[in-house]
C-alpha cells in the first residue's frame, strides 16, 4: 500500500499550486491532506469522502483550497489558490480504508500516509 504525493514547489504569494496523491495497492475510503510547518505539529487541511460528495476544510484554507479525487485513477488532488506565506509547510496525503465520519481532522483515523511534498510560498 503506497501513497505518493507530488506537486509541491516554490510559488509567490497569491499564486497557485496543485498537489496530487496517487494511491496504489488498496482501495481507500476517506482521504485527506495535512500539513506540517517546521517546529509545529501536523494539522488538518482538507478531507474528502469515498464518493467525493462530502468535503471538509480547515477554516484557514476554506474558500482558497479545493480537494477532489478521481477514483478511476486512484488519485486525490488539492488545488491551492491565493497562497499565503503561512501556507508554507510540508503537505502530507493520508488515506483510510474506513470512513472517518466526523473524525476526519484527526491523524489517528488514517492508516496510510504519503511521504510529504514541500510547499513554499514567498512573500
PDB file of N, CA and C in Angstrom:
ATOM      1  N   UNK A   1       0.856  -1.191   0.000  1.00  0.00           N
ATOM      2  CA  UNK A   1       0.000   0.000   0.000  1.00  0.00           C
ATOM      3  C   UNK A   1       0.883   1.228   0.000  1.00  0.00           C
ATOM      4  N   UNK A   2       0.677   2.087  -0.996  1.00  0.00           N
ATOM      5  CA  UNK A   2       1.511   3.276  -1.082  1.00  0.00           C
ATOM      6  C   UNK A   2       0.691   4.498  -1.434  1.00  0.00           C
ATOM      7  N   UNK A   3       1.091   5.635  -0.866  1.00  0.00           N
ATOM      8  CA  UNK A   3       0.567   6.929  -1.255  1.00  0.00           C
ATOM      9  C   UNK A   3       1.747   7.766  -1.714  1.00  0.00           C
ATOM     10  N   UNK A   4       1.650   8.325  -2.889  1.00  0.00           N
ATOM     11  CA  UNK A   4       2.738   9.118  -3.443  1.00  0.00           C
ATOM     12  C   UNK A   4       2.230  10.529  -3.692  1.00  0.00           C
ATOM     13  N   UNK A   5       2.740  11.486  -2.895  1.00  0.00           N
ATOM     14  CA  UNK A   5       2.346  12.880  -3.047  1.00  0.00           C
ATOM     15  C   UNK A   5       3.319  13.593  -3.977  1.00  0.00           C
ATOM     16  N   UNK A   6       2.799  14.524  -4.754  1.00  0.00           N
ATOM     17  CA  UNK A   6       3.629  15.305  -5.665  1.00  0.00           C
ATOM     18  C   UNK A   6       2.964  16.641  -5.932  1.00  0.00           C
ATOM     19  N   UNK A   7       3.719  17.544  -6.575  1.00  0.00           N
ATOM     20  CA  UNK A   7       3.150  18.822  -6.989  1.00  0.00           C
ATOM     21  C   UNK A   7       3.596  20.016  -6.171  1.00  0.00           C
ATOM     22  N   UNK A   8       4.356  19.790  -5.120  1.00  0.00           N
ATOM     23  CA  UNK A   8       4.818  20.905  -4.322  1.00  0.00           C
ATOM     24  C   UNK A   8       5.855  21.728  -5.055  1.00  0.00           C
ATOM     25  N   UNK A   9       6.205  22.880  -4.481  1.00  0.00           N
ATOM     26  CA  UNK A   9       7.197  23.738  -5.101  1.00  0.00           C
ATOM     27  C   UNK A   9       7.237  25.097  -4.453  1.00  0.00           C
ATOM     28  N   UNK A  10       7.945  25.993  -5.119  1.00  0.00           N
ATOM     29  CA  UNK A  10       8.089  27.368  -4.655  1.00  0.00           C
ATOM     30  C   UNK A  10       7.178  28.262  -5.482  1.00  0.00           C
ATOM     31  N   UNK A  11       6.371  29.068  -4.820  1.00  0.00           N
ATOM     32  CA  UNK A  11       5.430  29.931  -5.518  1.00  0.00           C
ATOM     33  C   UNK A  11       5.339  31.261  -4.777  1.00  0.00           C
ATOM     34  N   UNK A  12       5.049  32.309  -5.502  1.00  0.00           N
ATOM     35  CA  UNK A  12       4.879  33.611  -4.876  1.00  0.00           C
ATOM     36  C   UNK A  12       3.511  33.715  -4.218  1.00  0.00           C
ATOM     37  N   UNK A  13       3.419  34.561  -3.224  1.00  0.00           N
ATOM     38  CA  UNK A  13       2.144  34.798  -2.570  1.00  0.00           C
ATOM     39  C   UNK A  13       1.101  35.225  -3.603  1.00  0.00           C
ATOM     40  N   UNK A  14      -0.076  34.657  -3.476  1.00  0.00           N
ATOM     41  CA  UNK A  14      -1.141  34.920  -4.435  1.00  0.00           C
ATOM     42  C   UNK A  14      -1.205  33.914  -5.567  1.00  0.00           C
ATOM     43  N   UNK A  15      -0.186  33.086  -5.665  1.00  0.00           N
ATOM     44  CA  UNK A  15      -0.127  32.096  -6.722  1.00  0.00           C
ATOM     45  C   UNK A  15      -0.888  30.830  -6.399  1.00  0.00           C
ATOM     46  N   UNK A  16      -0.754  29.845  -7.287  1.00  0.00           N
ATOM     47  CA  UNK A  16      -1.490  28.589  -7.157  1.00  0.00           C
ATOM     48  C   UNK A  16      -0.569  27.396  -7.334  1.00  0.00           C
ATOM     49  N   UNK A  17      -0.955  26.299  -6.719  1.00  0.00           N
ATOM     50  CA  UNK A  17      -0.308  25.006  -6.907  1.00  0.00           C
ATOM     51  C   UNK A  17      -1.379  23.926  -6.844  1.00  0.00           C
ATOM     52  N   UNK A  18      -1.102  22.813  -7.499  1.00  0.00           N
ATOM     53  CA  UNK A  18      -1.998  21.666  -7.421  1.00  0.00           C
ATOM     54  C   UNK A  18      -1.219  20.453  -6.951  1.00  0.00           C
ATOM     55  N   UNK A  19      -1.595  19.933  -5.816  1.00  0.00           N
ATOM     56  CA  UNK A  19      -0.962  18.735  -5.292  1.00  0.00           C
ATOM     57  C   UNK A  19      -1.738  17.502  -5.740  1.00  0.00           C
ATOM     58  N   UNK A  20      -1.013  16.415  -5.937  1.00  0.00           N
ATOM     59  CA  UNK A  20      -1.628  15.142  -6.285  1.00  0.00           C
ATOM     60  C   UNK A  20      -1.175  14.073  -5.303  1.00  0.00           C
ATOM     61  N   UNK A  21      -2.028  13.090  -5.088  1.00  0.00           N
ATOM     62  CA  UNK A  21      -1.690  11.967  -4.223  1.00  0.00           C
ATOM     63  C   UNK A  21      -2.184  10.697  -4.916  1.00  0.00           C
ATOM     64  N   UNK A  22      -1.256   9.919  -5.424  1.00  0.00           N
ATOM     65  CA  UNK A  22      -1.591   8.692  -6.124  1.00  0.00           C
ATOM     66  C   UNK A  22      -1.545   7.516  -5.158  1.00  0.00           C
ATOM     67  N   UNK A  23      -2.622   6.749  -5.128  1.00  0.00           N
ATOM     68  CA  UNK A  23      -2.714   5.601  -4.237  1.00  0.00           C
ATOM     69  C   UNK A  23      -2.579   4.311  -5.029  1.00  0.00           C
ATOM     70  N   UNK A  24      -1.925   3.342  -4.422  1.00  0.00           N
ATOM     71  CA  UNK A  24      -1.787   2.039  -5.078  1.00  0.00           C
ATOM     72  C   UNK A  24      -1.879   0.938  -4.035  1.00  0.00           C
ATOM     73  N   UNK A  25      -2.318  -0.228  -4.457  1.00  0.00           N
ATOM     74  CA  UNK A  25      -2.317  -1.387  -3.582  1.00  0.00           C
ATOM     75  C   UNK A  25      -3.580  -1.603  -2.789  1.00  0.00           C
ATOM     76  N   UNK A  26      -4.451  -0.605  -2.764  1.00  0.00           N
ATOM     77  CA  UNK A  26      -5.650  -0.757  -1.937  1.00  0.00           C
ATOM     78  C   UNK A  26      -6.678   0.280  -2.335  1.00  0.00           C
ATOM     79  N   UNK A  27      -7.934  -0.030  -2.107  1.00  0.00           N
ATOM     80  CA  UNK A  27      -8.991   0.952  -2.321  1.00  0.00           C
ATOM     81  C   UNK A  27      -9.262   1.666  -1.000  1.00  0.00           C
ATOM     82  N   UNK A  28      -9.152   2.969  -1.027  1.00  0.00           N
ATOM     83  CA  UNK A  28      -9.352   3.749   0.178  1.00  0.00           C
ATOM     84  C   UNK A  28     -10.730   4.385   0.197  1.00  0.00           C
ATOM     85  N   UNK A  29     -11.227   4.616   1.361  1.00  0.00           N
ATOM     86  CA  UNK A  29     -12.481   5.318   1.510  1.00  0.00           C
ATOM     87  C   UNK A  29     -12.194   6.802   1.766  1.00  0.00           C
ATOM     88  N   UNK A  30     -12.114   7.244   2.973  1.00  0.00           N
ATOM     89  CA  UNK A  30     -11.816   8.655   3.232  1.00  0.00           C
ATOM     90  C   UNK A  30     -10.343   8.964   2.962  1.00  0.00           C
ATOM     91  N   UNK A  31     -10.113  10.156   2.444  1.00  0.00           N
ATOM     92  CA  UNK A  31      -8.750  10.615   2.189  1.00  0.00           C
ATOM     93  C   UNK A  31      -8.640  12.054   2.642  1.00  0.00           C
ATOM     94  N   UNK A  32      -7.414  12.478   2.888  1.00  0.00           N
ATOM     95  CA  UNK A  32      -7.254  13.842   3.359  1.00  0.00           C
ATOM     96  C   UNK A  32      -5.853  14.385   3.156  1.00  0.00           C
ATOM     97  N   UNK A  33      -5.727  15.669   3.391  1.00  0.00           N
ATOM     98  CA  UNK A  33      -4.442  16.372   3.342  1.00  0.00           C
ATOM     99  C   UNK A  33      -4.179  16.997   4.712  1.00  0.00           C
ATOM    100  N   UNK A  34      -2.942  16.888   5.142  1.00  0.00           N
ATOM    101  CA  UNK A  34      -2.468  17.529   6.364  1.00  0.00           C
ATOM    102  C   UNK A  34      -1.199  18.300   6.003  1.00  0.00           C
ATOM    103  N   UNK A  35      -0.813  19.221   6.853  1.00  0.00           N
ATOM    104  CA  UNK A  35       0.439  19.946   6.620  1.00  0.00           C
ATOM    105  C   UNK A  35       1.178  20.145   7.931  1.00  0.00           C
ATOM    106  N   UNK A  36       2.487  20.282   7.779  1.00  0.00           N
ATOM    107  CA  UNK A  36       3.337  20.438   8.956  1.00  0.00           C
ATOM    108  C   UNK A  36       4.431  21.448   8.661  1.00  0.00           C
ATOM    109  N   UNK A  37       4.413  22.542   9.398  1.00  0.00           N
ATOM    110  CA  UNK A  37       5.450  23.557   9.284  1.00  0.00           C
ATOM    111  C   UNK A  37       6.584  23.191  10.234  1.00  0.00           C
ATOM    112  N   UNK A  38       7.795  23.681   9.972  1.00  0.00           N
ATOM    113  CA  UNK A  38       8.934  23.358  10.833  1.00  0.00           C
ATOM    114  C   UNK A  38       8.674  23.719  12.288  1.00  0.00           C
ATOM    115  N   UNK A  39       8.919  22.767  13.172  1.00  0.00           N
ATOM    116  CA  UNK A  39       8.749  23.010  14.591  1.00  0.00           C
ATOM    117  C   UNK A  39       7.326  22.978  15.085  1.00  0.00           C
ATOM    118  N   UNK A  40       6.384  22.642  14.198  1.00  0.00           N
ATOM    119  CA  UNK A  40       4.968  22.620  14.585  1.00  0.00           C
ATOM    120  C   UNK A  40       4.381  21.244  14.353  1.00  0.00           C
ATOM    121  N   UNK A  41       3.224  20.995  14.934  1.00  0.00           N
ATOM    122  CA  UNK A  41       2.586  19.706  14.760  1.00  0.00           C
ATOM    123  C   UNK A  41       1.877  19.634  13.408  1.00  0.00           C
ATOM    124  N   UNK A  42       1.590  18.414  13.009  1.00  0.00           N
ATOM    125  CA  UNK A  42       0.873  18.194  11.762  1.00  0.00           C
ATOM    126  C   UNK A  42      -0.607  18.542  11.978  1.00  0.00           C
ATOM    127  N   UNK A  43      -1.149  19.340  11.049  1.00  0.00           N
ATOM    128  CA  UNK A  43      -2.526  19.799  11.205  1.00  0.00           C
ATOM    129  C   UNK A  43      -3.367  19.487   9.978  1.00  0.00           C
ATOM    130  N   UNK A  44      -4.636  19.379  10.198  1.00  0.00           N
ATOM    131  CA  UNK A  44      -5.602  19.062   9.160  1.00  0.00           C
ATOM    132  C   UNK A  44      -5.753  20.217   8.164  1.00  0.00           C
ATOM    133  N   UNK A  45      -5.871  19.858   6.883  1.00  0.00           N
ATOM    134  CA  UNK A  45      -6.112  20.845   5.837  1.00  0.00           C
ATOM    135  C   UNK A  45      -7.462  20.596   5.165  1.00  0.00           C
ATOM    136  N   UNK A  46      -7.655  19.385   4.661  1.00  0.00           N
ATOM    137  CA  UNK A  46      -8.893  19.079   3.949  1.00  0.00           C
ATOM    138  C   UNK A  46      -9.101  17.571   3.908  1.00  0.00           C
ATOM    139  N   UNK A  47     -10.354  17.155   3.749  1.00  0.00           N
ATOM    140  CA  UNK A  47     -10.669  15.739   3.651  1.00  0.00           C
ATOM    141  C   UNK A  47     -11.815  15.536   2.672  1.00  0.00           C
ATOM    142  N   UNK A  48     -11.900  14.319   2.153  1.00  0.00           N
ATOM    143  CA  UNK A  48     -12.925  14.006   1.155  1.00  0.00           C
ATOM    144  C   UNK A  48     -13.416  12.577   1.362  1.00  0.00           C
ATOM    145  N   UNK A  49     -14.707  12.376   1.166  1.00  0.00           N
ATOM    146  CA  UNK A  49     -15.291  11.051   1.328  1.00  0.00           C
ATOM    147  C   UNK A  49     -14.996  10.187   0.102  1.00  0.00           C
ATOM    148  N   UNK A  50     -15.349   8.928   0.200  1.00  0.00           N
ATOM    149  CA  UNK A  50     -15.088   7.969  -0.872  1.00  0.00           C
ATOM    150  C   UNK A  50     -15.721   8.426  -2.189  1.00  0.00           C
ATOM    151  N   UNK A  51     -16.948   8.879  -2.146  1.00  0.00           N
ATOM    152  CA  UNK A  51     -17.651   9.288  -3.366  1.00  0.00           C
ATOM    153  C   UNK A  51     -17.215  10.662  -3.857  1.00  0.00           C
ATOM    154  N   UNK A  52     -16.599  11.429  -2.967  1.00  0.00           N
ATOM    155  CA  UNK A  52     -16.258  12.806  -3.311  1.00  0.00           C
ATOM    156  C   UNK A  52     -17.382  13.777  -3.016  1.00  0.00           C
ATOM    157  N   UNK A  53     -18.495  13.256  -2.555  1.00  0.00           N
ATOM    158  CA  UNK A  53     -19.646  14.108  -2.312  1.00  0.00           C
ATOM    159  C   UNK A  53     -19.550  14.935  -1.042  1.00  0.00           C
ATOM    160  N   UNK A  54     -18.706  14.514  -0.135  1.00  0.00           N
ATOM    161  CA  UNK A  54     -18.521  15.252   1.119  1.00  0.00           C
ATOM    162  C   UNK A  54     -17.081  15.731   1.210  1.00  0.00           C
ATOM    163  N   UNK A  55     -16.918  17.016   1.410  1.00  0.00           N
ATOM    164  CA  UNK A  55     -15.590  17.597   1.563  1.00  0.00           C
ATOM    165  C   UNK A  55     -15.563  18.469   2.811  1.00  0.00           C
ATOM    166  N   UNK A  56     -14.400  18.547   3.419  1.00  0.00           N
ATOM    167  CA  UNK A  56     -14.234  19.293   4.663  1.00  0.00           C
ATOM    168  C   UNK A  56     -12.931  20.076   4.594  1.00  0.00           C
ATOM    169  N   UNK A  57     -12.926  21.263   5.188  1.00  0.00           N
ATOM    170  CA  UNK A  57     -11.766  22.128   5.126  1.00  0.00           C
ATOM    171  C   UNK A  57     -11.468  22.765   6.484  1.00  0.00           C
ATOM    172  N   UNK A  58     -10.194  22.995   6.720  1.00  0.00           N
ATOM    173  CA  UNK A  58      -9.808  23.822   7.853  1.00  0.00           C
ATOM    174  C   UNK A  58     -10.233  25.258   7.557  1.00  0.00           C
ATOM    175  N   UNK A  59     -10.582  25.993   8.589  1.00  0.00           N
ATOM    176  CA  UNK A  59     -11.030  27.370   8.388  1.00  0.00           C
ATOM    177  C   UNK A  59      -9.974  28.204   7.673  1.00  0.00           C
ATOM    178  N   UNK A  60      -8.716  27.905   7.917  1.00  0.00           N
ATOM    179  CA  UNK A  60      -7.629  28.711   7.354  1.00  0.00           C
ATOM    180  C   UNK A  60      -7.510  28.587   5.843  1.00  0.00           C
ATOM    181  N   UNK A  61      -8.089  27.539   5.258  1.00  0.00           N
ATOM    182  CA  UNK A  61      -7.955  27.339   3.807  1.00  0.00           C
ATOM    183  C   UNK A  61      -9.295  27.393   3.078  1.00  0.00           C
ATOM    184  N   UNK A  62     -10.371  27.498   3.829  1.00  0.00           N
ATOM    185  CA  UNK A  62     -11.701  27.495   3.232  1.00  0.00           C
ATOM    186  C   UNK A  62     -11.837  28.645   2.244  1.00  0.00           C
ATOM    187  N   UNK A  63     -12.334  28.332   1.052  1.00  0.00           N
ATOM    188  CA  UNK A  63     -12.501  29.345   0.031  1.00  0.00           C
ATOM    189  C   UNK A  63     -11.285  29.525  -0.859  1.00  0.00           C
ATOM    190  N   UNK A  64     -10.146  28.958  -0.461  1.00  0.00           N
ATOM    191  CA  UNK A  64      -8.922  29.074  -1.264  1.00  0.00           C
ATOM    192  C   UNK A  64      -8.465  27.711  -1.797  1.00  0.00           C
ATOM    193  N   UNK A  65      -8.686  26.673  -1.035  1.00  0.00           N
ATOM    194  CA  UNK A  65      -8.262  25.323  -1.424  1.00  0.00           C
ATOM    195  C   UNK A  65      -9.477  24.489  -1.812  1.00  0.00           C
ATOM    196  N   UNK A  66      -9.258  23.571  -2.759  1.00  0.00           N
ATOM    197  CA  UNK A  66     -10.311  22.643  -3.158  1.00  0.00           C
ATOM    198  C   UNK A  66      -9.753  21.232  -3.232  1.00  0.00           C
ATOM    199  N   UNK A  67     -10.378  20.325  -2.507  1.00  0.00           N
ATOM    200  CA  UNK A  67      -9.973  18.928  -2.539  1.00  0.00           C
ATOM    201  C   UNK A  67     -10.884  18.156  -3.483  1.00  0.00           C
ATOM    202  N   UNK A  68     -10.309  17.221  -4.210  1.00  0.00           N
ATOM    203  CA  UNK A  68     -11.099  16.404  -5.129  1.00  0.00           C
ATOM    204  C   UNK A  68     -10.410  15.052  -5.287  1.00  0.00           C
ATOM    205  N   UNK A  69     -11.095  14.123  -5.929  1.00  0.00           N
ATOM    206  CA  UNK A  69     -10.489  12.827  -6.176  1.00  0.00           C
ATOM    207  C   UNK A  69     -11.048  12.222  -7.456  1.00  0.00           C
ATOM    208  N   UNK A  70     -10.223  11.397  -8.088  1.00  0.00           N
ATOM    209  CA  UNK A  70     -10.613  10.668  -9.291  1.00  0.00           C
ATOM    210  C   UNK A  70     -10.428   9.194  -8.950  1.00  0.00           C
ATOM    211  N   UNK A  71     -11.513   8.522  -8.605  1.00  0.00           N
ATOM    212  CA  UNK A  71     -11.407   7.129  -8.166  1.00  0.00           C
ATOM    213  C   UNK A  71     -10.962   6.197  -9.284  1.00  0.00           C
ATOM    214  N   UNK A  72     -11.241   6.547 -10.514  1.00  0.00           N
ATOM    215  CA  UNK A  72     -10.793   5.724 -11.638  1.00  0.00           C
ATOM    216  C   UNK A  72      -9.274   5.716 -11.727  1.00  0.00           C
ATOM    217  N   UNK A  73      -8.662   6.830 -11.311  1.00  0.00           N
ATOM    218  CA  UNK A  73      -7.209   6.943 -11.338  1.00  0.00           C
ATOM    219  C   UNK A  73      -6.591   6.710  -9.968  1.00  0.00           C
ATOM    220  N   UNK A  74      -7.444   6.467  -8.965  1.00  0.00           N
ATOM    221  CA  UNK A  74      -6.970   6.278  -7.586  1.00  0.00           C
ATOM    222  C   UNK A  74      -6.094   7.446  -7.137  1.00  0.00           C
ATOM    223  N   UNK A  75      -6.532   8.644  -7.451  1.00  0.00           N
ATOM    224  CA  UNK A  75      -5.741   9.839  -7.174  1.00  0.00           C
ATOM    225  C   UNK A  75      -6.595  10.914  -6.519  1.00  0.00           C
ATOM    226  N   UNK A  76      -5.980  11.593  -5.552  1.00  0.00           N
ATOM    227  CA  UNK A  76      -6.623  12.714  -4.872  1.00  0.00           C
ATOM    228  C   UNK A  76      -5.837  13.981  -5.201  1.00  0.00           C
ATOM    229  N   UNK A  77      -6.527  15.108  -5.214  1.00  0.00           N
ATOM    230  CA  UNK A  77      -5.901  16.370  -5.559  1.00  0.00           C
ATOM    231  C   UNK A  77      -6.196  17.430  -4.500  1.00  0.00           C
ATOM    232  N   UNK A  78      -5.313  18.423  -4.465  1.00  0.00           N
ATOM    233  CA  UNK A  78      -5.571  19.607  -3.653  1.00  0.00           C
ATOM    234  C   UNK A  78      -5.182  20.818  -4.495  1.00  0.00           C
ATOM    235  N   UNK A  79      -6.180  21.541  -4.960  1.00  0.00           N
ATOM    236  CA  UNK A  79      -5.947  22.777  -5.709  1.00  0.00           C
ATOM    237  C   UNK A  79      -5.831  23.904  -4.700  1.00  0.00           C
ATOM    238  N   UNK A  80      -4.701  24.574  -4.719  1.00  0.00           N
ATOM    239  CA  UNK A  80      -4.439  25.638  -3.754  1.00  0.00           C
ATOM    240  C   UNK A  80      -4.306  26.959  -4.500  1.00  0.00           C
ATOM    241  N   UNK A  81      -5.202  27.868  -4.230  1.00  0.00           N
ATOM    242  CA  UNK A  81      -5.192  29.189  -4.845  1.00  0.00           C
ATOM    243  C   UNK A  81      -4.971  30.265  -3.796  1.00  0.00           C
ATOM    244  N   UNK A  82      -4.612  31.445  -4.248  1.00  0.00           N
ATOM    245  CA  UNK A  82      -4.402  32.590  -3.344  1.00  0.00           C
ATOM    246  C   UNK A  82      -3.494  32.199  -2.187  1.00  0.00           C
ATOM    247  N   UNK A  83      -2.393  31.586  -2.514  1.00  0.00           N
ATOM    248  CA  UNK A  83      -1.491  31.084  -1.477  1.00  0.00           C
ATOM    249  C   UNK A  83      -0.889  32.221  -0.676  1.00  0.00           C
ATOM    250  N   UNK A  84      -0.687  31.944   0.614  1.00  0.00           N
ATOM    251  CA  UNK A  84      -0.121  32.906   1.541  1.00  0.00           C
ATOM    252  C   UNK A  84       1.162  32.326   2.138  1.00  0.00           C
ATOM    253  N   UNK A  85       1.984  33.187   2.696  1.00  0.00           N
ATOM    254  CA  UNK A  85       3.231  32.720   3.288  1.00  0.00           C
ATOM    255  C   UNK A  85       2.971  31.715   4.415  1.00  0.00           C
ATOM    256  N   UNK A  86       1.857  31.875   5.103  1.00  0.00           N
ATOM    257  CA  UNK A  86       1.545  30.953   6.197  1.00  0.00           C
ATOM    258  C   UNK A  86       1.104  29.572   5.716  1.00  0.00           C
ATOM    259  N   UNK A  87       0.943  29.402   4.423  1.00  0.00           N
ATOM    260  CA  UNK A  87       0.659  28.076   3.856  1.00  0.00           C
ATOM    261  C   UNK A  87       1.929  27.252   3.665  1.00  0.00           C
ATOM    262  N   UNK A  88       3.076  27.869   3.876  1.00  0.00           N
ATOM    263  CA  UNK A  88       4.346  27.165   3.721  1.00  0.00           C
ATOM    264  C   UNK A  88       4.434  26.017   4.710  1.00  0.00           C
ATOM    265  N   UNK A  89       4.649  24.822   4.184  1.00  0.00           N
ATOM    266  CA  UNK A  89       4.702  23.618   5.021  1.00  0.00           C
ATOM    267  C   UNK A  89       4.982  22.417   4.131  1.00  0.00           C
ATOM    268  N   UNK A  90       5.263  21.297   4.779  1.00  0.00           N
ATOM    269  CA  UNK A  90       5.270  20.021   4.077  1.00  0.00           C
ATOM    270  C   UNK A  90       3.847  19.489   4.104  1.00  0.00           C
ATOM    271  N   UNK A  91       3.340  19.112   2.941  1.00  0.00           N
ATOM    272  CA  UNK A  91       1.956  18.638   2.819  1.00  0.00           C
ATOM    273  C   UNK A  91       1.959  17.119   2.678  1.00  0.00           C
ATOM    274  N   UNK A  92       1.137  16.472   3.496  1.00  0.00           N
ATOM    275  CA  UNK A  92       1.048  15.025   3.524  1.00  0.00           C
ATOM    276  C   UNK A  92      -0.354  14.575   3.130  1.00  0.00           C
ATOM    277  N   UNK A  93      -0.412  13.578   2.264  1.00  0.00           N
ATOM    278  CA  UNK A  93      -1.713  12.986   1.991  1.00  0.00           C
ATOM    279  C   UNK A  93      -1.903  11.769   2.893  1.00  0.00           C
ATOM    280  N   UNK A  94      -3.147  11.514   3.226  1.00  0.00           N
ATOM    281  CA  UNK A  94      -3.487  10.423   4.131  1.00  0.00           C
ATOM    282  C   UNK A  94      -4.729   9.723   3.617  1.00  0.00           C
ATOM    283  N   UNK A  95      -4.851   8.443   3.948  1.00  0.00           N
ATOM    284  CA  UNK A  95      -5.995   7.680   3.472  1.00  0.00           C
ATOM    285  C   UNK A  95      -6.402   6.648   4.507  1.00  0.00           C
ATOM    286  N   UNK A  96      -7.679   6.337   4.486  1.00  0.00           N
ATOM    287  CA  UNK A  96      -8.204   5.356   5.418  1.00  0.00           C
ATOM    288  C   UNK A  96      -9.024   4.316   4.656  1.00  0.00           C
ATOM    289  N   UNK A  97      -8.914   3.077   5.094  1.00  0.00           N
ATOM    290  CA  UNK A  97      -9.727   2.023   4.499  1.00  0.00           C
ATOM    291  C   UNK A  97     -11.127   2.000   5.092  1.00  0.00           C
ATOM    292  N   UNK A  98     -11.364   2.885   6.049  1.00  0.00           N
ATOM    293  CA  UNK A  98     -12.690   3.014   6.648  1.00  0.00           C
ATOM    294  C   UNK A  98     -13.172   4.447   6.500  1.00  0.00           C
ATOM    295  N   UNK A  99     -14.461   4.663   6.650  1.00  0.00           N
ATOM    296  CA  UNK A  99     -14.990   6.021   6.666  1.00  0.00           C
ATOM    297  C   UNK A  99     -14.561   6.701   7.959  1.00  0.00           C
ATOM    298  N   UNK A 100     -14.145   7.940   7.870  1.00  0.00           N
ATOM    299  CA  UNK A 100     -13.690   8.653   9.062  1.00  0.00           C
ATOM    300  C   UNK A 100     -14.826   9.375   9.784  1.00  0.00           C
ATOM    301  N   UNK A 101     -15.973   9.514   9.114  1.00  0.00           N
ATOM    302  CA  UNK A 101     -17.119  10.198   9.695  1.00  0.00           C
ATOM    303  C   UNK A 101     -16.711  11.559  10.240  1.00  0.00           C
ATOM    304  N   UNK A 102     -17.053  11.881  11.455  1.00  0.00           N
ATOM    305  CA  UNK A 102     -16.772  13.209  11.990  1.00  0.00           C
ATOM    306  C   UNK A 102     -15.333  13.364  12.454  1.00  0.00           C
ATOM    307  N   UNK A 103     -14.540  12.290  12.368  1.00  0.00           N
ATOM    308  CA  UNK A 103     -13.167  12.324  12.875  1.00  0.00           C
ATOM    309  C   UNK A 103     -12.138  12.625  11.794  1.00  0.00           C
ATOM    310  N   UNK A 104     -12.565  13.205  10.680  1.00  0.00           N
ATOM    311  CA  UNK A 104     -11.715  13.402   9.516  1.00  0.00           C
ATOM    312  C   UNK A 104     -10.511  14.285   9.799  1.00  0.00           C
ATOM    313  N   UNK A 105     -10.533  15.097  10.823  1.00  0.00           N
ATOM    314  CA  UNK A 105      -9.430  16.008  11.109  1.00  0.00           C
ATOM    315  C   UNK A 105      -8.375  15.393  12.032  1.00  0.00           C
ATOM    316  N   UNK A 106      -8.623  14.195  12.489  1.00  0.00           N
ATOM    317  CA  UNK A 106      -7.697  13.535  13.411  1.00  0.00           C
ATOM    318  C   UNK A 106      -6.721  12.660  12.643  1.00  0.00           C
ATOM    319  N   UNK A 107      -5.440  12.772  12.942  1.00  0.00           N
ATOM    320  CA  UNK A 107      -4.435  11.999  12.222  1.00  0.00           C
ATOM    321  C   UNK A 107      -4.563  10.501  12.492  1.00  0.00           C
ATOM    322  N   UNK A 108      -5.050  10.111  13.656  1.00  0.00           N
ATOM    323  CA  UNK A 108      -5.040   8.695  14.024  1.00  0.00           C
ATOM    324  C   UNK A 108      -6.155   7.876  13.366  1.00  0.00           C
ATOM    325  N   UNK A 109      -7.012   8.497  12.564  1.00  0.00           N
ATOM    326  CA  UNK A 109      -8.040   7.719  11.861  1.00  0.00           C
ATOM    327  C   UNK A 109      -7.583   7.292  10.476  1.00  0.00           C
ATOM    328  N   UNK A 110      -6.427   7.778  10.061  1.00  0.00           N
ATOM    329  CA  UNK A 110      -5.888   7.424   8.751  1.00  0.00           C
ATOM    330  C   UNK A 110      -4.813   6.340   8.929  1.00  0.00           C
ATOM    331  N   UNK A 111      -4.846   5.290   8.125  1.00  0.00           N
ATOM    332  CA  UNK A 111      -3.887   4.203   8.293  1.00  0.00           C
ATOM    333  C   UNK A 111      -2.836   4.135   7.198  1.00  0.00           C
ATOM    334  N   UNK A 112      -2.849   5.114   6.294  1.00  0.00           N
ATOM    335  CA  UNK A 112      -1.780   5.192   5.303  1.00  0.00           C
ATOM    336  C   UNK A 112      -1.413   6.655   5.089  1.00  0.00           C
ATOM    337  N   UNK A 113      -0.109   6.892   4.923  1.00  0.00           N
ATOM    338  CA  UNK A 113       0.390   8.262   4.746  1.00  0.00           C
ATOM    339  C   UNK A 113       1.390   8.321   3.606  1.00  0.00           C
ATOM    340  N   UNK A 114       1.345   9.417   2.869  1.00  0.00           N
ATOM    341  CA  UNK A 114       2.345   9.675   1.847  1.00  0.00           C
ATOM    342  C   UNK A 114       3.602  10.271   2.470  1.00  0.00           C
ATOM    343  N   UNK A 115       4.607  10.497   1.624  1.00  0.00           N
ATOM    344  CA  UNK A 115       5.900  10.938   2.111  1.00  0.00           C
ATOM    345  C   UNK A 115       5.993  12.441   2.326  1.00  0.00           C
ATOM    346  N   UNK A 116       5.028  13.193   1.851  1.00  0.00           N
ATOM    347  CA  UNK A 116       5.084  14.639   2.006  1.00  0.00           C
ATOM    348  C   UNK A 116       5.683  15.333   0.798  1.00  0.00           C
ATOM    349  N   UNK A 117       5.139  16.485   0.481  1.00  0.00           N
ATOM    350  CA  UNK A 117       5.670  17.315  -0.589  1.00  0.00           C
ATOM    351  C   UNK A 117       5.732  18.753  -0.065  1.00  0.00           C
ATOM    352  N   UNK A 118       6.855  19.419  -0.295  1.00  0.00           N
ATOM    353  CA  UNK A 118       7.092  20.740   0.280  1.00  0.00           C
ATOM    354  C   UNK A 118       6.443  21.838  -0.548  1.00  0.00           C
ATOM    355  N   UNK A 119       5.737  22.713   0.128  1.00  0.00           N
ATOM    356  CA  UNK A 119       5.156  23.905  -0.483  1.00  0.00           C
ATOM    357  C   UNK A 119       5.768  25.113   0.217  1.00  0.00           C
ATOM    358  N   UNK A 120       6.384  25.977  -0.567  1.00  0.00           N
ATOM    359  CA  UNK A 120       6.994  27.177  -0.028  1.00  0.00           C
ATOM    360  C   UNK A 120       6.410  28.385  -0.740  1.00  0.00           C
ATOM    361  N   UNK A 121       5.838  29.293   0.039  1.00  0.00           N
ATOM    362  CA  UNK A 121       5.211  30.489  -0.519  1.00  0.00           C
ATOM    363  C   UNK A 121       6.043  31.689  -0.106  1.00  0.00           C
ATOM    364  N   UNK A 122       6.563  32.389  -1.087  1.00  0.00           N
ATOM    365  CA  UNK A 122       7.389  33.556  -0.809  1.00  0.00           C
ATOM    366  C   UNK A 122       6.534  34.817  -0.843  1.00  0.00           C
ATOM    367  N   UNK A 123       6.806  35.707   0.087  1.00  0.00           N
ATOM    368  CA  UNK A 123       6.002  36.944   0.172  1.00  0.00           C
ATOM    369  C   UNK A 123       6.689  38.089  -0.548  1.00  0.00           C
TER     370      UNK A 123
END
